[in-house]
Structures are given as structure tokens and as C-alpha cells.
Amino acid sequence: MHPLARRPRFARFAAPLLALGLLAGAAGAAASPPEWRLDPTHSRVVFDVDHAGFSYSLATLSAPTGRLRYDPEGWDGAEATIELAVDRLDFGDADWNRTMLGRRWFRAEDFPTITFRSTRVEAIDERHARVHGELTVRGATAPVVLDVHRNGLRRHPLTLRRTVGFSATTELDRRAFGLDGSPTLIGSTVRVRIEVEAVRTRRSNAEAPTESQENDDADPQHD
């Protein structure tokens, strides 16, 4: 017998096992949640902070960008990466905006973006979850937990694109991000509200949707 014909027994099964491994990897990739792109026009962050005990000062951060991974069938594998341009910060007054964007506060020239990256999603029910993640502001990163409610999930009546909407809230301690000025004038707790609309990407649209995905949430109103 030719020496090359005396292959170890495991070699006979190497090719089939490799093929199975590749198939399993392909199946895992195919099973990843669909991707959604944030609609910056209809997504916004609103926050408030106590102002000397007289009122709660309101500010907005508009036009966030980013992508979500979310399966309408459940929260497994859900992910979020969101970025906000600090120069979109608006307190409703030009002088106040300049002060807050300056070196004493947000230092927009040195740190032009605020980013959020999810690390874990804790499902509560079909429409509610706690999204754990890391928020980076002015170069400092701290953990945050978002209480998330899924709103509408259907084809948009104007664009006909698959669209999903979420509302989320959280509270932050501004001191965790080095924003510790004026402690006797400005409260340390910042209450945050987030509204997000996201459109399913074309890659995800190419995947055949299930019947439940097509019929989900005919009524976009909140529970």
C-alpha cells in the first residue's frame, strides 16, 4: 500500500467535520438580529437638571446617529451603538450654549462626541427591557442602565420602510463625567429621556421577514 494511503482514521472525517463547522458558523451569522439605522430627524435626547432649586433646566441633543441590532421576535442578541455631536447641545439660549460647550463644561472642541455602547440587554417582557451599557462624555466613561419601552414596529406609512421606535429613560450623576462645576447651584442628578426611530437596513430587508414580523404592531400606540 502506498504510504500516503495510510492516513490516520480522523483524517477521513476531517472534511465532513470542517463542513459542518462552516455550516454552523453560517447559521449563527444568519441568526444574528436584524440591523436598524437611526433616523436622526426623528430621534432626540432630552435632559433636565435642577437649577438652584427654582426650576429644572431643559436641554436637547438632536440628530443622534448609530445602529441597533434588534429582532422583533425578542430581545436576544439586541445591541445598540449611538453617537451624538456635542455641538448640537441646545439649552435654548445662545450665550448659555456657548458656556456649556466651553472648556469649563463639555469642552466640545476637545471631545466633540458623546457615545453610548450597550453591553447587555435584560429583557422584562415583549416590549420592555433594561439596556446596560457604557456612556462616554468628555472622555470619561461610566456605566448606565436605560429603561427601554418599544413603541411602534411596522412599515412606515410614508416611506414603506420597516421602522421601529423606542422610548428610554435613565438618571445620571454628572460628576461621573467630570462635570462637577457649580455644585451649590446645579444639581448633580441629570434625568434623561431618549426617543429613537430606526429604519431596517437594506441588508436586513433582504432577509425574508416572518409573518409575525410583517403583522407586528399594527397599532403603534404605547401600551
C-alpha atoms as a PDB file:
ATOM      1  CA  MET A   1       0.000   0.000   0.000  1.00  0.00           C
ATOM      2  CA  HIS A   2       1.250   3.461  -0.851  1.00  0.00           C
ATOM      3  CA  PRO A   3       2.411   5.303   2.311  1.00  0.00           C
ATOM      4  CA  LEU A   4       0.124   8.226   1.591  1.00  0.00           C
ATOM      5  CA  ALA A   5      -2.840   5.870   1.664  1.00  0.00           C
ATOM      6  CA  ARG A   6      -2.234   5.145   5.353  1.00  0.00           C
ATOM      7  CA  ARG A   7      -3.972   8.244   6.666  1.00  0.00           C
ATOM      8  CA  PRO A   8      -4.977   8.423  10.351  1.00  0.00           C
ATOM      9  CA  ARG A   9      -8.591   7.494  10.920  1.00  0.00           C
ATOM     10  CA  PHE A  10      -9.549  11.021  11.996  1.00  0.00           C
ATOM     11  CA  ALA A  11      -8.440  12.385   8.610  1.00  0.00           C
ATOM     12  CA  ARG A  12     -11.333  10.582   6.921  1.00  0.00           C
ATOM     13  CA  PHE A  13     -13.726  12.687   8.970  1.00  0.00           C
ATOM     14  CA  ALA A  14     -11.838  15.979   8.879  1.00  0.00           C
ATOM     15  CA  ALA A  15     -13.526  17.325   5.739  1.00  0.00           C
ATOM     16  CA  PRO A  16     -17.085  16.486   6.863  1.00  0.00           C
ATOM     17  CA  LEU A  17     -16.447  17.978  10.303  1.00  0.00           C
ATOM     18  CA  LEU A  18     -14.992  21.118   8.758  1.00  0.00           C
ATOM     19  CA  ALA A  19     -18.030  21.432   6.510  1.00  0.00           C
ATOM     20  CA  LEU A  20     -20.347  21.057   9.482  1.00  0.00           C
ATOM     21  CA  GLY A  21     -18.408  23.723  11.354  1.00  0.00           C
ATOM     22  CA  LEU A  22     -18.702  26.144   8.453  1.00  0.00           C
ATOM     23  CA  LEU A  23     -22.414  25.455   8.179  1.00  0.00           C
ATOM     24  CA  ALA A  24     -22.862  26.059  11.896  1.00  0.00           C
ATOM     25  CA  GLY A  25     -20.982  29.338  11.645  1.00  0.00           C
ATOM     26  CA  ALA A  26     -23.098  30.428   8.689  1.00  0.00           C
ATOM     27  CA  ALA A  27     -26.264  29.537  10.583  1.00  0.00           C
ATOM     28  CA  GLY A  28     -25.101  31.578  13.585  1.00  0.00           C
ATOM     29  CA  ALA A  29     -24.385  34.571  11.362  1.00  0.00           C
ATOM     30  CA  ALA A  30     -27.771  34.262   9.681  1.00  0.00           C
ATOM     31  CA  ALA A  31     -29.441  34.130  13.088  1.00  0.00           C
ATOM     32  CA  SER A  32     -27.997  37.461  14.260  1.00  0.00           C
ATOM     33  CA  PRO A  33     -30.699  40.091  14.859  1.00  0.00           C
ATOM     34  CA  PRO A  34     -31.615  42.428  12.001  1.00  0.00           C
ATOM     35  CA  GLU A  35     -29.780  45.732  11.798  1.00  0.00           C
ATOM     36  CA  TRP A  36     -31.557  49.079  12.090  1.00  0.00           C
ATOM     37  CA  ARG A  37     -30.149  52.553  11.334  1.00  0.00           C
ATOM     38  CA  LEU A  38     -31.172  55.511  13.490  1.00  0.00           C
ATOM     39  CA  ASP A  39     -33.293  58.178  11.828  1.00  0.00           C
ATOM     40  CA  PRO A  40     -31.593  61.375  13.094  1.00  0.00           C
ATOM     41  CA  THR A  41     -34.571  63.564  12.195  1.00  0.00           C
ATOM     42  CA  HIS A  42     -36.942  61.689  14.486  1.00  0.00           C
ATOM     43  CA  SER A  43     -34.520  60.760  17.272  1.00  0.00           C
ATOM     44  CA  ARG A  44     -33.586  63.051  20.143  1.00  0.00           C
ATOM     45  CA  VAL A  45     -32.240  63.176  23.680  1.00  0.00           C
ATOM     46  CA  VAL A  46     -33.811  65.495  26.259  1.00  0.00           C
ATOM     47  CA  PHE A  47     -32.390  66.007  29.735  1.00  0.00           C
ATOM     48  CA  ASP A  48     -33.045  68.198  32.744  1.00  0.00           C
ATOM     49  CA  VAL A  49     -31.131  69.216  35.845  1.00  0.00           C
ATOM     50  CA  ASP A  50     -32.106  71.153  38.960  1.00  0.00           C
ATOM     51  CA  HIS A  51     -31.298  74.864  38.728  1.00  0.00           C
ATOM     52  CA  ALA A  52     -30.759  76.307  42.222  1.00  0.00           C
ATOM     53  CA  GLY A  53     -33.998  74.714  43.408  1.00  0.00           C
ATOM     54  CA  PHE A  54     -36.100  77.114  41.315  1.00  0.00           C
ATOM     55  CA  SER A  55     -36.682  75.050  38.180  1.00  0.00           C
ATOM     56  CA  TYR A  56     -35.375  72.183  36.101  1.00  0.00           C
ATOM     57  CA  SER A  57     -33.317  73.454  33.192  1.00  0.00           C
ATOM     58  CA  LEU A  58     -34.082  71.585  29.955  1.00  0.00           C
ATOM     59  CA  ALA A  59     -31.676  70.835  27.123  1.00  0.00           C
ATOM     60  CA  THR A  60     -31.730  68.711  23.979  1.00  0.00           C
ATOM     61  CA  LEU A  61     -29.219  66.803  21.899  1.00  0.00           C
ATOM     62  CA  SER A  62     -30.592  66.280  18.415  1.00  0.00           C
ATOM     63  CA  ALA A  63     -29.679  64.192  15.378  1.00  0.00           C
ATOM     64  CA  PRO A  64     -28.050  61.145  17.019  1.00  0.00           C
ATOM     65  CA  THR A  65     -26.551  58.579  14.672  1.00  0.00           C
ATOM     66  CA  GLY A  66     -25.915  54.897  15.140  1.00  0.00           C
ATOM     67  CA  ARG A  67     -27.157  51.374  14.589  1.00  0.00           C
ATOM     68  CA  LEU A  68     -29.218  48.854  16.500  1.00  0.00           C
ATOM     69  CA  ARG A  69     -29.421  45.103  16.423  1.00  0.00           C
ATOM     70  CA  TYR A  70     -32.938  44.038  17.295  1.00  0.00           C
ATOM     71  CA  ASP A  71     -35.142  41.056  16.477  1.00  0.00           C
ATOM     72  CA  PRO A  72     -38.888  41.751  16.617  1.00  0.00           C
ATOM     73  CA  GLU A  73     -39.320  38.224  17.965  1.00  0.00           C
ATOM     74  CA  GLY A  74     -37.411  39.020  21.169  1.00  0.00           C
ATOM     75  CA  TRP A  75     -34.550  40.835  22.877  1.00  0.00           C
ATOM     76  CA  ASP A  76     -31.922  38.097  22.462  1.00  0.00           C
ATOM     77  CA  GLY A  77     -28.795  39.482  20.807  1.00  0.00           C
ATOM     78  CA  ALA A  78     -30.043  43.085  20.892  1.00  0.00           C
ATOM     79  CA  GLU A  79     -27.318  45.734  20.710  1.00  0.00           C
ATOM     80  CA  ALA A  80     -27.060  49.498  20.370  1.00  0.00           C
ATOM     81  CA  THR A  81     -24.285  51.886  19.378  1.00  0.00           C
ATOM     82  CA  ILE A  82     -25.230  55.564  19.374  1.00  0.00           C
ATOM     83  CA  GLU A  83     -23.229  58.738  18.835  1.00  0.00           C
ATOM     84  CA  LEU A  84     -24.232  62.356  19.464  1.00  0.00           C
ATOM     85  CA  ALA A  85     -22.484  65.501  18.288  1.00  0.00           C
ATOM     86  CA  VAL A  86     -21.869  67.717  21.323  1.00  0.00           C
ATOM     87  CA  ASP A  87     -22.224  70.887  19.258  1.00  0.00           C
ATOM     88  CA  ARG A  88     -25.922  70.000  18.828  1.00  0.00           C
ATOM     89  CA  LEU A  89     -26.438  70.678  22.534  1.00  0.00           C
ATOM     90  CA  ASP A  90     -29.171  73.279  22.982  1.00  0.00           C
ATOM     91  CA  PHE A  91     -30.260  74.934  26.242  1.00  0.00           C
ATOM     92  CA  GLY A  92     -32.475  77.401  24.365  1.00  0.00           C
ATOM     93  CA  ASP A  93     -30.120  80.374  24.750  1.00  0.00           C
ATOM     94  CA  ALA A  94     -27.089  81.167  22.588  1.00  0.00           C
ATOM     95  CA  ASP A  95     -24.931  82.529  25.423  1.00  0.00           C
ATOM     96  CA  TRP A  96     -25.744  79.587  27.672  1.00  0.00           C
ATOM     97  CA  ASN A  97     -24.970  77.177  24.845  1.00  0.00           C
ATOM     98  CA  ARG A  98     -21.544  78.736  24.331  1.00  0.00           C
ATOM     99  CA  THR A  99     -20.823  78.499  28.052  1.00  0.00           C
ATOM    100  CA  MET A 100     -21.847  74.848  28.274  1.00  0.00           C
ATOM    101  CA  LEU A 101     -19.832  73.907  25.174  1.00  0.00           C
ATOM    102  CA  GLY A 102     -16.746  75.691  26.511  1.00  0.00           C
ATOM    103  CA  ARG A 103     -13.761  74.442  28.465  1.00  0.00           C
ATOM    104  CA  ARG A 104     -15.419  74.631  31.866  1.00  0.00           C
ATOM    105  CA  TRP A 105     -18.134  72.164  30.905  1.00  0.00           C
ATOM    106  CA  PHE A 106     -18.440  69.899  27.842  1.00  0.00           C
ATOM    107  CA  ARG A 107     -15.208  71.028  26.114  1.00  0.00           C
ATOM    108  CA  ALA A 108     -16.738  70.402  22.684  1.00  0.00           C
ATOM    109  CA  GLU A 109     -13.528  71.229  20.799  1.00  0.00           C
ATOM    110  CA  ASP A 110     -11.608  68.502  22.609  1.00  0.00           C
ATOM    111  CA  PHE A 111     -14.454  65.979  22.936  1.00  0.00           C
ATOM    112  CA  PRO A 112     -16.845  66.528  20.025  1.00  0.00           C
ATOM    113  CA  THR A 113     -18.954  63.400  20.532  1.00  0.00           C
ATOM    114  CA  ILE A 114     -20.919  61.580  23.217  1.00  0.00           C
ATOM    115  CA  THR A 115     -21.197  57.835  22.682  1.00  0.00           C
ATOM    116  CA  PHE A 116     -23.265  55.020  24.127  1.00  0.00           C
ATOM    117  CA  ARG A 117     -22.475  51.339  23.617  1.00  0.00           C
ATOM    118  CA  SER A 118     -24.683  48.620  25.039  1.00  0.00           C
ATOM    119  CA  THR A 119     -23.060  45.737  26.892  1.00  0.00           C
ATOM    120  CA  ARG A 120     -26.072  43.676  27.967  1.00  0.00           C
ATOM    121  CA  VAL A 121     -29.835  43.659  27.470  1.00  0.00           C
ATOM    122  CA  GLU A 122     -32.057  42.452  30.297  1.00  0.00           C
ATOM    123  CA  ALA A 123     -35.470  41.526  28.885  1.00  0.00           C
ATOM    124  CA  ILE A 124     -38.534  42.274  31.013  1.00  0.00           C
ATOM    125  CA  ASP A 125     -41.314  41.416  28.584  1.00  0.00           C
ATOM    126  CA  GLU A 126     -42.055  41.708  24.867  1.00  0.00           C
ATOM    127  CA  ARG A 127     -41.944  45.494  24.860  1.00  0.00           C
ATOM    128  CA  HIS A 128     -39.749  46.363  27.846  1.00  0.00           C
ATOM    129  CA  ALA A 129     -36.080  45.836  28.673  1.00  0.00           C
ATOM    130  CA  ARG A 130     -33.215  47.266  30.688  1.00  0.00           C
ATOM    131  CA  VAL A 131     -30.294  48.075  28.441  1.00  0.00           C
ATOM    132  CA  HIS A 132     -26.977  48.121  30.285  1.00  0.00           C
ATOM    133  CA  GLY A 133     -24.152  49.995  28.629  1.00  0.00           C
ATOM    134  CA  GLU A 134     -21.258  52.421  28.755  1.00  0.00           C
ATOM    135  CA  LEU A 135     -21.681  56.146  28.230  1.00  0.00           C
ATOM    136  CA  THR A 136     -18.681  58.286  27.302  1.00  0.00           C
ATOM    137  CA  VAL A 137     -18.900  62.031  27.894  1.00  0.00           C
ATOM    138  CA  ARG A 138     -15.909  64.405  27.782  1.00  0.00           C
ATOM    139  CA  GLY A 139     -13.560  61.425  27.576  1.00  0.00           C
ATOM    140  CA  ALA A 140     -14.883  59.792  30.764  1.00  0.00           C
ATOM    141  CA  THR A 141     -16.798  56.500  30.603  1.00  0.00           C
ATOM    142  CA  ALA A 142     -19.307  55.296  33.189  1.00  0.00           C
ATOM    143  CA  PRO A 143     -21.924  52.530  33.259  1.00  0.00           C
ATOM    144  CA  VAL A 144     -25.580  53.430  32.681  1.00  0.00           C
ATOM    145  CA  VAL A 145     -28.835  51.479  32.566  1.00  0.00           C
ATOM    146  CA  LEU A 146     -31.639  52.544  30.225  1.00  0.00           C
ATOM    147  CA  ASP A 147     -35.256  51.614  30.941  1.00  0.00           C
ATOM    148  CA  VAL A 148     -36.497  50.945  27.404  1.00  0.00           C
ATOM    149  CA  HIS A 149     -40.021  50.708  26.008  1.00  0.00           C
ATOM    150  CA  ARG A 150     -40.577  49.554  22.432  1.00  0.00           C
ATOM    151  CA  ASN A 151     -43.214  51.634  20.697  1.00  0.00           C
ATOM    152  CA  GLY A 152     -44.366  51.060  17.112  1.00  0.00           C
ATOM    153  CA  LEU A 153     -42.949  48.334  14.884  1.00  0.00           C
ATOM    154  CA  ARG A 154     -44.326  48.290  11.360  1.00  0.00           C
ATOM    155  CA  ARG A 155     -43.845  49.663   7.867  1.00  0.00           C
ATOM    156  CA  HIS A 156     -43.720  53.447   7.905  1.00  0.00           C
ATOM    157  CA  PRO A 157     -46.887  54.827   6.218  1.00  0.00           C
ATOM    158  CA  LEU A 158     -44.856  57.291   4.118  1.00  0.00           C
ATOM    159  CA  THR A 159     -41.572  55.545   3.321  1.00  0.00           C
ATOM    160  CA  LEU A 160     -42.939  51.961   3.478  1.00  0.00           C
ATOM    161  CA  ARG A 161     -39.663  51.019   5.188  1.00  0.00           C
ATOM    162  CA  ARG A 162     -39.670  48.726   8.204  1.00  0.00           C
ATOM    163  CA  THR A 163     -39.381  51.114  11.163  1.00  0.00           C
ATOM    164  CA  VAL A 164     -39.152  50.628  14.916  1.00  0.00           C
ATOM    165  CA  GLY A 165     -39.435  53.194  17.697  1.00  0.00           C
ATOM    166  CA  PHE A 166     -38.164  53.156  21.272  1.00  0.00           C
ATOM    167  CA  SER A 167     -38.505  55.410  24.303  1.00  0.00           C
ATOM    168  CA  ALA A 168     -35.929  55.204  27.101  1.00  0.00           C
ATOM    169  CA  THR A 169     -35.178  56.934  30.379  1.00  0.00           C
ATOM    170  CA  THR A 170     -32.302  56.975  32.843  1.00  0.00           C
ATOM    171  CA  GLU A 171     -30.689  59.098  35.535  1.00  0.00           C
ATOM    172  CA  LEU A 172     -27.016  60.081  35.581  1.00  0.00           C
ATOM    173  CA  ASP A 173     -24.659  61.649  38.081  1.00  0.00           C
ATOM    174  CA  ARG A 174     -22.903  64.362  36.104  1.00  0.00           C
ATOM    175  CA  ARG A 175     -19.893  64.158  38.403  1.00  0.00           C
ATOM    176  CA  ALA A 176     -19.064  60.721  36.967  1.00  0.00           C
ATOM    177  CA  PHE A 177     -18.081  62.505  33.736  1.00  0.00           C
ATOM    178  CA  GLY A 178     -16.061  65.317  35.282  1.00  0.00           C
ATOM    179  CA  LEU A 179     -18.964  67.775  35.031  1.00  0.00           C
ATOM    180  CA  ASP A 180     -18.696  68.813  38.661  1.00  0.00           C
ATOM    181  CA  GLY A 181     -18.801  72.601  38.482  1.00  0.00           C
ATOM    182  CA  SER A 182     -21.198  74.850  40.434  1.00  0.00           C
ATOM    183  CA  PRO A 183     -22.206  72.154  42.964  1.00  0.00           C
ATOM    184  CA  THR A 184     -24.312  74.575  45.042  1.00  0.00           C
ATOM    185  CA  LEU A 185     -26.153  75.956  42.015  1.00  0.00           C
ATOM    186  CA  ILE A 186     -26.674  72.961  39.736  1.00  0.00           C
ATOM    187  CA  GLY A 187     -27.972  69.582  40.863  1.00  0.00           C
ATOM    188  CA  SER A 188     -25.787  66.514  40.426  1.00  0.00           C
ATOM    189  CA  THR A 189     -28.576  64.254  39.130  1.00  0.00           C
ATOM    190  CA  VAL A 190     -29.440  64.540  35.438  1.00  0.00           C
ATOM    191  CA  ARG A 191     -32.688  62.995  34.238  1.00  0.00           C
ATOM    192  CA  VAL A 192     -32.525  61.772  30.640  1.00  0.00           C
ATOM    193  CA  ARG A 193     -35.261  60.903  28.145  1.00  0.00           C
ATOM    194  CA  ILE A 194     -34.430  59.340  24.779  1.00  0.00           C
ATOM    195  CA  GLU A 195     -36.698  58.992  21.739  1.00  0.00           C
ATOM    196  CA  VAL A 196     -35.450  56.868  18.852  1.00  0.00           C
ATOM    197  CA  GLU A 197     -36.786  55.847  15.459  1.00  0.00           C
ATOM    198  CA  ALA A 198     -34.729  53.402  13.423  1.00  0.00           C
ATOM    199  CA  VAL A 199     -35.099  52.026   9.911  1.00  0.00           C
ATOM    200  CA  ARG A 200     -34.219  48.487   8.954  1.00  0.00           C
ATOM    201  CA  THR A 201     -31.123  48.440   6.775  1.00  0.00           C
ATOM    202  CA  ARG A 202     -31.180  47.105   3.237  1.00  0.00           C
ATOM    203  CA  ARG A 203     -29.075  44.102   4.220  1.00  0.00           C
ATOM    204  CA  SER A 204     -31.689  43.168   6.799  1.00  0.00           C
ATOM    205  CA  ASN A 205     -34.511  43.938   4.365  1.00  0.00           C
ATOM    206  CA  ALA A 206     -33.048  41.342   2.022  1.00  0.00           C
ATOM    207  CA  GLU A 207     -33.781  38.700   4.647  1.00  0.00           C
ATOM    208  CA  ALA A 208     -37.195  37.126   4.296  1.00  0.00           C
ATOM    209  CA  PRO A 209     -39.388  38.509   7.111  1.00  0.00           C
ATOM    210  CA  THR A 210     -41.598  36.161   9.058  1.00  0.00           C
ATOM    211  CA  GLU A 211     -45.354  36.568   9.048  1.00  0.00           C
ATOM    212  CA  SER A 212     -45.277  37.788  12.636  1.00  0.00           C
ATOM    213  CA  GLN A 213     -42.732  40.450  11.684  1.00  0.00           C
ATOM    214  CA  GLU A 214     -44.948  41.733   8.885  1.00  0.00           C
ATOM    215  CA  ASN A 215     -48.059  41.904  11.081  1.00  0.00           C
ATOM    216  CA  ASP A 216     -46.461  43.051  14.344  1.00  0.00           C
ATOM    217  CA  ASP A 217     -47.781  46.249  15.925  1.00  0.00           C
ATOM    218  CA  ALA A 218     -50.454  47.337  13.506  1.00  0.00           C
ATOM    219  CA  ASP A 219     -51.276  49.928  16.179  1.00  0.00           C
ATOM    220  CA  PRO A 220     -48.154  51.971  17.037  1.00  0.00           C
ATOM    221  CA  GLN A 221     -49.610  53.460  20.212  1.00  0.00           C
ATOM    222  CA  HIS A 222     -47.905  52.860  23.550  1.00  0.00           C
ATOM    223  CA  ASP A 223     -49.139  50.163  25.891  1.00  0.00           C
END
